[in-house]
Structure formats: C-alpha cells, structure tokens
Amino acid sequence: ENTSDTAMDVIVIELKGHSAKSKMAGT
C-alpha cells in the first residue's frame, strides 16, 4: 500500500529457478 500523497514507482526483479547465491569466477 502506498501511504503517501504522491505516486510511487518501483522496478521489481523476480529471481526464478536457482537460489539467489552468486559465485564469482575463480572462487
């Protein structure tokens, strides 16, 4: 719920599939 007197905009990136863990190259 937007509780303010102005509009709210947001970009939502849904992560699908595997967990959101990242692995850097070489680690």
mmCIF file of all heavy atoms, coordinates in Angstrom:
data_MODEL
# 
_entry.id   MODEL 
# 
loop_
_atom_site.group_PDB 
_atom_site.id 
_atom_site.type_symbol 
_atom_site.label_atom_id 
_atom_site.label_alt_id 
_atom_site.label_comp_id 
_atom_site.label_asym_id 
_atom_site.label_entity_id 
_atom_site.label_seq_id 
_atom_site.pdbx_PDB_ins_code 
_atom_site.Cartn_x 
_atom_site.Cartn_y 
_atom_site.Cartn_z 
_atom_site.occupancy 
_atom_site.B_iso_or_equiv 
_atom_site.pdbx_formal_charge 
_atom_site.auth_seq_id 
_atom_site.auth_comp_id 
_atom_site.auth_asym_id 
_atom_site.auth_atom_id 
_atom_site.pdbx_PDB_model_num 
ATOM 1   N N   . GLU A 1 1  ? 0.849  -1.186  0.000   1.00 0.00 ? 1  GLU A N   1 
ATOM 2   C CA  . GLU A 1 1  ? 0.000  0.000   0.000   1.00 0.00 ? 1  GLU A CA  1 
ATOM 3   C C   . GLU A 1 1  ? 0.886  1.238   0.000   1.00 0.00 ? 1  GLU A C   1 
ATOM 4   O O   . GLU A 1 1  ? 1.831  1.340   0.769   1.00 0.00 ? 1  GLU A O   1 
ATOM 5   C CB  . GLU A 1 1  ? -0.882 -0.002  1.251   1.00 0.00 ? 1  GLU A CB  1 
ATOM 6   C CG  . GLU A 1 1  ? -1.789 1.198   1.363   1.00 0.00 ? 1  GLU A CG  1 
ATOM 7   C CD  . GLU A 1 1  ? -2.666 1.152   2.610   1.00 0.00 ? 1  GLU A CD  1 
ATOM 8   O OE1 . GLU A 1 1  ? -2.598 0.164   3.363   1.00 0.00 ? 1  GLU A OE1 1 
ATOM 9   O OE2 . GLU A 1 1  ? -3.425 2.108   2.828   1.00 0.00 ? 1  GLU A OE2 1 
ATOM 10  N N   . ASN A 1 2  ? 0.577  2.174   -0.885  1.00 0.00 ? 2  ASN A N   1 
ATOM 11  C CA  . ASN A 1 2  ? 1.256  3.469   -0.917  1.00 0.00 ? 2  ASN A CA  1 
ATOM 12  C C   . ASN A 1 2  ? 0.517  4.373   0.066   1.00 0.00 ? 2  ASN A C   1 
ATOM 13  O O   . ASN A 1 2  ? -0.635 4.719   -0.159  1.00 0.00 ? 2  ASN A O   1 
ATOM 14  C CB  . ASN A 1 2  ? 1.219  4.049   -2.331  1.00 0.00 ? 2  ASN A CB  1 
ATOM 15  C CG  . ASN A 1 2  ? 1.849  5.415   -2.439  1.00 0.00 ? 2  ASN A CG  1 
ATOM 16  O OD1 . ASN A 1 2  ? 2.384  5.942   -1.472  1.00 0.00 ? 2  ASN A OD1 1 
ATOM 17  N ND2 . ASN A 1 2  ? 1.793  5.991   -3.624  1.00 0.00 ? 2  ASN A ND2 1 
ATOM 18  N N   . THR A 1 3  ? 1.170  4.772   1.142   1.00 0.00 ? 3  THR A N   1 
ATOM 19  C CA  . THR A 1 3  ? 0.501  5.592   2.152   1.00 0.00 ? 3  THR A CA  1 
ATOM 20  C C   . THR A 1 3  ? 0.783  7.086   1.987   1.00 0.00 ? 3  THR A C   1 
ATOM 21  O O   . THR A 1 3  ? 0.338  7.888   2.806   1.00 0.00 ? 3  THR A O   1 
ATOM 22  C CB  . THR A 1 3  ? 0.917  5.154   3.577   1.00 0.00 ? 3  THR A CB  1 
ATOM 23  O OG1 . THR A 1 3  ? 2.331  5.285   3.714   1.00 0.00 ? 3  THR A OG1 1 
ATOM 24  C CG2 . THR A 1 3  ? 0.489  3.715   3.846   1.00 0.00 ? 3  THR A CG2 1 
ATOM 25  N N   . SER A 1 4  ? 1.493  7.452   0.921   1.00 0.00 ? 4  SER A N   1 
ATOM 26  C CA  . SER A 1 4  ? 1.845  8.868   0.741   1.00 0.00 ? 4  SER A CA  1 
ATOM 27  C C   . SER A 1 4  ? 0.845  9.584   -0.176  1.00 0.00 ? 4  SER A C   1 
ATOM 28  O O   . SER A 1 4  ? -0.015 8.961   -0.791  1.00 0.00 ? 4  SER A O   1 
ATOM 29  C CB  . SER A 1 4  ? 3.267  8.998   0.191   1.00 0.00 ? 4  SER A CB  1 
ATOM 30  O OG  . SER A 1 4  ? 3.304  8.626   -1.165  1.00 0.00 ? 4  SER A OG  1 
ATOM 31  N N   . ASP A 1 5  ? 1.012  10.883  -0.261  1.00 0.00 ? 5  ASP A N   1 
ATOM 32  C CA  . ASP A 1 5  ? 0.154  11.721  -1.107  1.00 0.00 ? 5  ASP A CA  1 
ATOM 33  C C   . ASP A 1 5  ? 0.667  11.835  -2.540  1.00 0.00 ? 5  ASP A C   1 
ATOM 34  O O   . ASP A 1 5  ? 0.094  12.574  -3.333  1.00 0.00 ? 5  ASP A O   1 
ATOM 35  C CB  . ASP A 1 5  ? 0.033  13.127  -0.499  1.00 0.00 ? 5  ASP A CB  1 
ATOM 36  C CG  . ASP A 1 5  ? -0.702 13.127  0.826   1.00 0.00 ? 5  ASP A CG  1 
ATOM 37  O OD1 . ASP A 1 5  ? -1.572 12.253  1.031   1.00 0.00 ? 5  ASP A OD1 1 
ATOM 38  O OD2 . ASP A 1 5  ? -0.393 13.991  1.671   1.00 0.00 ? 5  ASP A OD2 1 
ATOM 39  N N   . THR A 1 6  ? 1.758  11.142  -2.854  1.00 0.00 ? 6  THR A N   1 
ATOM 40  C CA  . THR A 1 6  ? 2.317  11.168  -4.210  1.00 0.00 ? 6  THR A CA  1 
ATOM 41  C C   . THR A 1 6  ? 2.425  9.744   -4.746  1.00 0.00 ? 6  THR A C   1 
ATOM 42  O O   . THR A 1 6  ? 2.427  8.773   -3.983  1.00 0.00 ? 6  THR A O   1 
ATOM 43  C CB  . THR A 1 6  ? 3.715  11.829  -4.222  1.00 0.00 ? 6  THR A CB  1 
ATOM 44  O OG1 . THR A 1 6  ? 4.577  11.097  -3.351  1.00 0.00 ? 6  THR A OG1 1 
ATOM 45  C CG2 . THR A 1 6  ? 3.638  13.289  -3.766  1.00 0.00 ? 6  THR A CG2 1 
ATOM 46  N N   . ALA A 1 7  ? 2.549  9.625   -6.055  1.00 0.00 ? 7  ALA A N   1 
ATOM 47  C CA  . ALA A 1 7  ? 2.656  8.316   -6.694  1.00 0.00 ? 7  ALA A CA  1 
ATOM 48  C C   . ALA A 1 7  ? 3.983  7.651   -6.346  1.00 0.00 ? 7  ALA A C   1 
ATOM 49  O O   . ALA A 1 7  ? 4.967  8.307   -6.010  1.00 0.00 ? 7  ALA A O   1 
ATOM 50  C CB  . ALA A 1 7  ? 2.519  8.464   -8.207  1.00 0.00 ? 7  ALA A CB  1 
ATOM 51  N N   . MET A 1 8  ? 3.998  6.333   -6.447  1.00 0.00 ? 8  MET A N   1 
ATOM 52  C CA  . MET A 1 8  ? 5.179  5.525   -6.171  1.00 0.00 ? 8  MET A CA  1 
ATOM 53  C C   . MET A 1 8  ? 5.441  4.625   -7.365  1.00 0.00 ? 8  MET A C   1 
ATOM 54  O O   . MET A 1 8  ? 4.524  3.994   -7.883  1.00 0.00 ? 8  MET A O   1 
ATOM 55  C CB  . MET A 1 8  ? 4.925  4.668   -4.927  1.00 0.00 ? 8  MET A CB  1 
ATOM 56  C CG  . MET A 1 8  ? 6.014  3.678   -4.622  1.00 0.00 ? 8  MET A CG  1 
ATOM 57  S SD  . MET A 1 8  ? 5.665  2.709   -3.122  1.00 0.00 ? 8  MET A SD  1 
ATOM 58  C CE  . MET A 1 8  ? 4.600  1.447   -3.788  1.00 0.00 ? 8  MET A CE  1 
ATOM 59  N N   . ASP A 1 9  ? 6.701  4.592   -7.824  1.00 0.00 ? 9  ASP A N   1 
ATOM 60  C CA  . ASP A 1 9  ? 7.100  3.709   -8.919  1.00 0.00 ? 9  ASP A CA  1 
ATOM 61  C C   . ASP A 1 9  ? 8.291  2.879   -8.473  1.00 0.00 ? 9  ASP A C   1 
ATOM 62  O O   . ASP A 1 9  ? 9.228  3.395   -7.849  1.00 0.00 ? 9  ASP A O   1 
ATOM 63  C CB  . ASP A 1 9  ? 7.466  4.523   -10.160 1.00 0.00 ? 9  ASP A CB  1 
ATOM 64  C CG  . ASP A 1 9  ? 6.256  5.192   -10.769 1.00 0.00 ? 9  ASP A CG  1 
ATOM 65  O OD1 . ASP A 1 9  ? 5.396  4.472   -11.308 1.00 0.00 ? 9  ASP A OD1 1 
ATOM 66  O OD2 . ASP A 1 9  ? 6.164  6.432   -10.703 1.00 0.00 ? 9  ASP A OD2 1 
ATOM 67  N N   . VAL A 1 10 ? 8.263  1.595   -8.819  1.00 0.00 ? 10 VAL A N   1 
ATOM 68  C CA  . VAL A 1 10 ? 9.327  0.681   -8.418  1.00 0.00 ? 10 VAL A CA  1 
ATOM 69  C C   . VAL A 1 10 ? 9.532  -0.368  -9.512  1.00 0.00 ? 10 VAL A C   1 
ATOM 70  O O   . VAL A 1 10 ? 8.576  -0.794  -10.159 1.00 0.00 ? 10 VAL A O   1 
ATOM 71  C CB  . VAL A 1 10 ? 8.997  0.006   -7.055  1.00 0.00 ? 10 VAL A CB  1 
ATOM 72  C CG1 . VAL A 1 10 ? 7.706  -0.778  -7.117  1.00 0.00 ? 10 VAL A CG1 1 
ATOM 73  C CG2 . VAL A 1 10 ? 10.156 -0.843  -6.560  1.00 0.00 ? 10 VAL A CG2 1 
ATOM 74  N N   . ILE A 1 11 ? 10.793 -0.736  -9.733  1.00 0.00 ? 11 ILE A N   1 
ATOM 75  C CA  . ILE A 1 11 ? 11.133 -1.854  -10.614 1.00 0.00 ? 11 ILE A CA  1 
ATOM 76  C C   . ILE A 1 11 ? 11.359 -3.058  -9.714  1.00 0.00 ? 11 ILE A C   1 
ATOM 77  O O   . ILE A 1 11 ? 12.135 -2.990  -8.753  1.00 0.00 ? 11 ILE A O   1 
ATOM 78  C CB  . ILE A 1 11 ? 12.414 -1.571  -11.433 1.00 0.00 ? 11 ILE A CB  1 
ATOM 79  C CG1 . ILE A 1 11 ? 12.240 -0.344  -12.317 1.00 0.00 ? 11 ILE A CG1 1 
ATOM 80  C CG2 . ILE A 1 11 ? 12.824 -2.812  -12.236 1.00 0.00 ? 11 ILE A CG2 1 
ATOM 81  C CD1 . ILE A 1 11 ? 11.250 -0.509  -13.444 1.00 0.00 ? 11 ILE A CD1 1 
ATOM 82  N N   . VAL A 1 12 ? 10.674 -4.160  -10.004 1.00 0.00 ? 12 VAL A N   1 
ATOM 83  C CA  . VAL A 1 12 ? 10.792 -5.391  -9.229  1.00 0.00 ? 12 VAL A CA  1 
ATOM 84  C C   . VAL A 1 12 ? 11.400 -6.453  -10.130 1.00 0.00 ? 12 VAL A C   1 
ATOM 85  O O   . VAL A 1 12 ? 10.879 -6.714  -11.219 1.00 0.00 ? 12 VAL A O   1 
ATOM 86  C CB  . VAL A 1 12 ? 9.415  -5.853  -8.705  1.00 0.00 ? 12 VAL A CB  1 
ATOM 87  C CG1 . VAL A 1 12 ? 9.533  -7.167  -7.957  1.00 0.00 ? 12 VAL A CG1 1 
ATOM 88  C CG2 . VAL A 1 12 ? 8.782  -4.778  -7.843  1.00 0.00 ? 12 VAL A CG2 1 
ATOM 89  N N   . ILE A 1 13 ? 12.504 -7.036  -9.685  1.00 0.00 ? 13 ILE A N   1 
ATOM 90  C CA  . ILE A 1 13 ? 13.160 -8.107  -10.442 1.00 0.00 ? 13 ILE A CA  1 
ATOM 91  C C   . ILE A 1 13 ? 12.948 -9.398  -9.669  1.00 0.00 ? 13 ILE A C   1 
ATOM 92  O O   . ILE A 1 13 ? 13.494 -9.572  -8.578  1.00 0.00 ? 13 ILE A O   1 
ATOM 93  C CB  . ILE A 1 13 ? 14.675 -7.829  -10.632 1.00 0.00 ? 13 ILE A CB  1 
ATOM 94  C CG1 . ILE A 1 13 ? 14.883 -6.508  -11.369 1.00 0.00 ? 13 ILE A CG1 1 
ATOM 95  C CG2 . ILE A 1 13 ? 15.338 -8.973  -11.395 1.00 0.00 ? 13 ILE A CG2 1 
ATOM 96  C CD1 . ILE A 1 13 ? 15.487 -5.447  -10.540 1.00 0.00 ? 13 ILE A CD1 1 
ATOM 97  N N   . GLU A 1 14 ? 12.108 -10.280 -10.228 1.00 0.00 ? 14 GLU A N   1 
ATOM 98  C CA  . GLU A 1 14 ? 11.845 -11.570 -9.595  1.00 0.00 ? 14 GLU A CA  1 
ATOM 99  C C   . GLU A 1 14 ? 12.928 -12.551 -10.029 1.00 0.00 ? 14 GLU A C   1 
ATOM 100 O O   . GLU A 1 14 ? 13.186 -12.714 -11.213 1.00 0.00 ? 14 GLU A O   1 
ATOM 101 C CB  . GLU A 1 14 ? 10.478 -12.111 -10.008 1.00 0.00 ? 14 GLU A CB  1 
ATOM 102 C CG  . GLU A 1 14 ? 9.327  -11.285 -9.504  1.00 0.00 ? 14 GLU A CG  1 
ATOM 103 C CD  . GLU A 1 14 ? 7.975  -11.882 -9.864  1.00 0.00 ? 14 GLU A CD  1 
ATOM 104 O OE1 . GLU A 1 14 ? 7.892  -12.675 -10.838 1.00 0.00 ? 14 GLU A OE1 1 
ATOM 105 O OE2 . GLU A 1 14 ? 7.008  -11.560 -9.172  1.00 0.00 ? 14 GLU A OE2 1 
ATOM 106 N N   . LEU A 1 15 ? 13.549 -13.197 -9.056  1.00 0.00 ? 15 LEU A N   1 
ATOM 107 C CA  . LEU A 1 15 ? 14.610 -14.168 -9.323  1.00 0.00 ? 15 LEU A CA  1 
ATOM 108 C C   . LEU A 1 15 ? 13.979 -15.552 -9.369  1.00 0.00 ? 15 LEU A C   1 
ATOM 109 O O   . LEU A 1 15 ? 13.350 -15.975 -8.415  1.00 0.00 ? 15 LEU A O   1 
ATOM 110 C CB  . LEU A 1 15 ? 15.672 -14.075 -8.236  1.00 0.00 ? 15 LEU A CB  1 
ATOM 111 C CG  . LEU A 1 15 ? 16.210 -12.667 -8.013  1.00 0.00 ? 15 LEU A CG  1 
ATOM 112 C CD1 . LEU A 1 15 ? 17.128 -12.630 -6.800  1.00 0.00 ? 15 LEU A CD1 1 
ATOM 113 C CD2 . LEU A 1 15 ? 16.914 -12.155 -9.252  1.00 0.00 ? 15 LEU A CD2 1 
ATOM 114 N N   . LYS A 1 16 ? 14.137 -16.233 -10.474 1.00 0.00 ? 16 LYS A N   1 
ATOM 115 C CA  . LYS A 1 16 ? 13.489 -17.534 -10.646 1.00 0.00 ? 16 LYS A CA  1 
ATOM 116 C C   . LYS A 1 16 ? 14.510 -18.656 -10.667 1.00 0.00 ? 16 LYS A C   1 
ATOM 117 O O   . LYS A 1 16 ? 15.682 -18.428 -10.922 1.00 0.00 ? 16 LYS A O   1 
ATOM 118 C CB  . LYS A 1 16 ? 12.692 -17.540 -11.945 1.00 0.00 ? 16 LYS A CB  1 
ATOM 119 C CG  . LYS A 1 16 ? 11.614 -16.481 -11.964 1.00 0.00 ? 16 LYS A CG  1 
ATOM 120 C CD  . LYS A 1 16 ? 10.561 -16.848 -12.930 1.00 0.00 ? 16 LYS A CD  1 
ATOM 121 C CE  . LYS A 1 16 ? 9.441  -15.835 -12.802 1.00 0.00 ? 16 LYS A CE  1 
ATOM 122 N NZ  . LYS A 1 16 ? 8.186  -16.374 -13.126 1.00 0.00 ? 16 LYS A NZ  1 
ATOM 123 N N   . GLY A 1 17 ? 14.052 -19.851 -10.429 1.00 0.00 ? 17 GLY A N   1 
ATOM 124 C CA  . GLY A 1 17 ? 14.919 -21.014 -10.537 1.00 0.00 ? 17 GLY A CA  1 
ATOM 125 C C   . GLY A 1 17 ? 15.814 -21.183 -9.332  1.00 0.00 ? 17 GLY A C   1 
ATOM 126 O O   . GLY A 1 17 ? 15.353 -21.223 -8.203  1.00 0.00 ? 17 GLY A O   1 
ATOM 127 N N   . HIS A 1 18 ? 17.105 -21.241 -9.574  1.00 0.00 ? 18 HIS A N   1 
ATOM 128 C CA  . HIS A 1 18 ? 18.086 -21.486 -8.512  1.00 0.00 ? 18 HIS A CA  1 
ATOM 129 C C   . HIS A 1 18 ? 18.064 -20.362 -7.489  1.00 0.00 ? 18 HIS A C   1 
ATOM 130 O O   . HIS A 1 18 ? 17.610 -19.264 -7.752  1.00 0.00 ? 18 HIS A O   1 
ATOM 131 C CB  . HIS A 1 18 ? 19.479 -21.629 -9.111  1.00 0.00 ? 18 HIS A CB  1 
ATOM 132 C CG  . HIS A 1 18 ? 19.566 -22.764 -10.083 1.00 0.00 ? 18 HIS A CG  1 
ATOM 133 N ND1 . HIS A 1 18 ? 19.537 -24.080 -9.697  1.00 0.00 ? 18 HIS A ND1 1 
ATOM 134 C CD2 . HIS A 1 18 ? 19.638 -22.776 -11.430 1.00 0.00 ? 18 HIS A CD2 1 
ATOM 135 C CE1 . HIS A 1 18 ? 19.598 -24.844 -10.761 1.00 0.00 ? 18 HIS A CE1 1 
ATOM 136 N NE2 . HIS A 1 18 ? 19.670 -24.084 -11.833 1.00 0.00 ? 18 HIS A NE2 1 
ATOM 137 N N   . SER A 1 19 ? 18.625 -20.634 -6.322  1.00 0.00 ? 19 SER A N   1 
ATOM 138 C CA  . SER A 1 19 ? 18.665 -19.614 -5.280  1.00 0.00 ? 19 SER A CA  1 
ATOM 139 C C   . SER A 1 19 ? 19.472 -18.416 -5.759  1.00 0.00 ? 19 SER A C   1 
ATOM 140 O O   . SER A 1 19 ? 20.196 -18.492 -6.739  1.00 0.00 ? 19 SER A O   1 
ATOM 141 C CB  . SER A 1 19 ? 19.269 -20.179 -4.002  1.00 0.00 ? 19 SER A CB  1 
ATOM 142 O OG  . SER A 1 19 ? 20.645 -20.374 -4.160  1.00 0.00 ? 19 SER A OG  1 
ATOM 143 N N   . ALA A 1 20 ? 19.353 -17.331 -5.039  1.00 0.00 ? 20 ALA A N   1 
ATOM 144 C CA  . ALA A 1 20 ? 19.953 -16.066 -5.463  1.00 0.00 ? 20 ALA A CA  1 
ATOM 145 C C   . ALA A 1 20 ? 21.421 -15.960 -5.082  1.00 0.00 ? 20 ALA A C   1 
ATOM 146 O O   . ALA A 1 20 ? 21.974 -14.888 -5.049  1.00 0.00 ? 20 ALA A O   1 
ATOM 147 C CB  . ALA A 1 20 ? 19.171 -14.905 -4.854  1.00 0.00 ? 20 ALA A CB  1 
ATOM 148 N N   . LYS A 1 21 ? 22.088 -17.086 -4.810  1.00 0.00 ? 21 LYS A N   1 
ATOM 149 C CA  . LYS A 1 21 ? 23.509 -17.050 -4.490  1.00 0.00 ? 21 LYS A CA  1 
ATOM 150 C C   . LYS A 1 21 ? 24.294 -16.715 -5.741  1.00 0.00 ? 21 LYS A C   1 
ATOM 151 O O   . LYS A 1 21 ? 23.968 -17.165 -6.830  1.00 0.00 ? 21 LYS A O   1 
ATOM 152 C CB  . LYS A 1 21 ? 23.973 -18.395 -3.946  1.00 0.00 ? 21 LYS A CB  1 
ATOM 153 C CG  . LYS A 1 21 ? 23.360 -18.761 -2.613  1.00 0.00 ? 21 LYS A CG  1 
ATOM 154 C CD  . LYS A 1 21 ? 23.862 -20.120 -2.171  1.00 0.00 ? 21 LYS A CD  1 
ATOM 155 C CE  . LYS A 1 21 ? 23.167 -20.538 -0.889  1.00 0.00 ? 21 LYS A CE  1 
ATOM 156 N NZ  . LYS A 1 21 ? 23.556 -21.887 -0.489  1.00 0.00 ? 21 LYS A NZ  1 
ATOM 157 N N   . SER A 1 22 ? 25.366 -15.959 -5.575  1.00 0.00 ? 22 SER A N   1 
ATOM 158 C CA  . SER A 1 22 ? 26.226 -15.679 -6.725  1.00 0.00 ? 22 SER A CA  1 
ATOM 159 C C   . SER A 1 22 ? 27.596 -16.242 -6.439  1.00 0.00 ? 22 SER A C   1 
ATOM 160 O O   . SER A 1 22 ? 28.024 -16.350 -5.298  1.00 0.00 ? 22 SER A O   1 
ATOM 161 C CB  . SER A 1 22 ? 26.312 -14.173 -6.980  1.00 0.00 ? 22 SER A CB  1 
ATOM 162 O OG  . SER A 1 22 ? 26.940 -13.531 -5.903  1.00 0.00 ? 22 SER A OG  1 
ATOM 163 N N   . LYS A 1 23 ? 28.303 -16.628 -7.478  1.00 0.00 ? 23 LYS A N   1 
ATOM 164 C CA  . LYS A 1 23 ? 29.637 -17.165 -7.336  1.00 0.00 ? 23 LYS A CA  1 
ATOM 165 C C   . LYS A 1 23 ? 30.535 -16.422 -8.304  1.00 0.00 ? 23 LYS A C   1 
ATOM 166 O O   . LYS A 1 23 ? 30.292 -16.428 -9.506  1.00 0.00 ? 23 LYS A O   1 
ATOM 167 C CB  . LYS A 1 23 ? 29.643 -18.665 -7.632  1.00 0.00 ? 23 LYS A CB  1 
ATOM 168 C CG  . LYS A 1 23 ? 30.978 -19.315 -7.361  1.00 0.00 ? 23 LYS A CG  1 
ATOM 169 C CD  . LYS A 1 23 ? 30.864 -20.806 -7.525  1.00 0.00 ? 23 LYS A CD  1 
ATOM 170 C CE  . LYS A 1 23 ? 32.208 -21.440 -7.241  1.00 0.00 ? 23 LYS A CE  1 
ATOM 171 N NZ  . LYS A 1 23 ? 32.142 -22.891 -7.422  1.00 0.00 ? 23 LYS A NZ  1 
ATOM 172 N N   . MET A 1 24 ? 31.546 -15.791 -7.770  1.00 0.00 ? 24 MET A N   1 
ATOM 173 C CA  . MET A 1 24 ? 32.471 -15.047 -8.623  1.00 0.00 ? 24 MET A CA  1 
ATOM 174 C C   . MET A 1 24 ? 33.416 -16.021 -9.313  1.00 0.00 ? 24 MET A C   1 
ATOM 175 O O   . MET A 1 24 ? 33.804 -17.032 -8.746  1.00 0.00 ? 24 MET A O   1 
ATOM 176 C CB  . MET A 1 24 ? 33.271 -14.037 -7.783  1.00 0.00 ? 24 MET A CB  1 
ATOM 177 C CG  . MET A 1 24 ? 32.400 -12.962 -7.165  1.00 0.00 ? 24 MET A CG  1 
ATOM 178 S SD  . MET A 1 24 ? 33.333 -11.821 -6.157  1.00 0.00 ? 24 MET A SD  1 
ATOM 179 C CE  . MET A 1 24 ? 34.475 -11.157 -7.351  1.00 0.00 ? 24 MET A CE  1 
ATOM 180 N N   . ALA A 1 25 ? 33.807 -15.693 -10.539 1.00 0.00 ? 25 ALA A N   1 
ATOM 181 C CA  . ALA A 1 25 ? 34.747 -16.533 -11.285 1.00 0.00 ? 25 ALA A CA  1 
ATOM 182 C C   . ALA A 1 25 ? 36.035 -16.679 -10.497 1.00 0.00 ? 25 ALA A C   1 
ATOM 183 O O   . ALA A 1 25 ? 36.536 -15.734 -9.911  1.00 0.00 ? 25 ALA A O   1 
ATOM 184 C CB  . ALA A 1 25 ? 35.029 -15.921 -12.646 1.00 0.00 ? 25 ALA A CB  1 
ATOM 185 N N   . GLY A 1 26 ? 36.553 -17.894 -10.451 1.00 0.00 ? 26 GLY A N   1 
ATOM 186 C CA  . GLY A 1 26 ? 37.823 -18.138 -9.787  1.00 0.00 ? 26 GLY A CA  1 
ATOM 187 C C   . GLY A 1 26 ? 37.711 -18.412 -8.298  1.00 0.00 ? 26 GLY A C   1 
ATOM 188 O O   . GLY A 1 26 ? 38.725 -18.643 -7.647  1.00 0.00 ? 26 GLY A O   1 
ATOM 189 N N   . THR A 1 27 ? 36.499 -18.395 -7.724  1.00 0.00 ? 27 THR A N   1 
ATOM 190 C CA  . THR A 1 27 ? 36.348 -18.704 -6.307  1.00 0.00 ? 27 THR A CA  1 
ATOM 191 C C   . THR A 1 27 ? 35.813 -20.111 -6.141  1.00 0.00 ? 27 THR A C   1 
ATOM 192 O O   . THR A 1 27 ? 35.210 -20.670 -7.055  1.00 0.00 ? 27 THR A O   1 
ATOM 193 C CB  . THR A 1 27 ? 35.398 -17.712 -5.602  1.00 0.00 ? 27 THR A CB  1 
ATOM 194 O OG1 . THR A 1 27 ? 34.103 -17.829 -6.196  1.00 0.00 ? 27 THR A OG1 1 
ATOM 195 C CG2 . THR A 1 27 ? 35.908 -16.306 -5.697  1.00 0.00 ? 27 THR A CG2 1 
# 
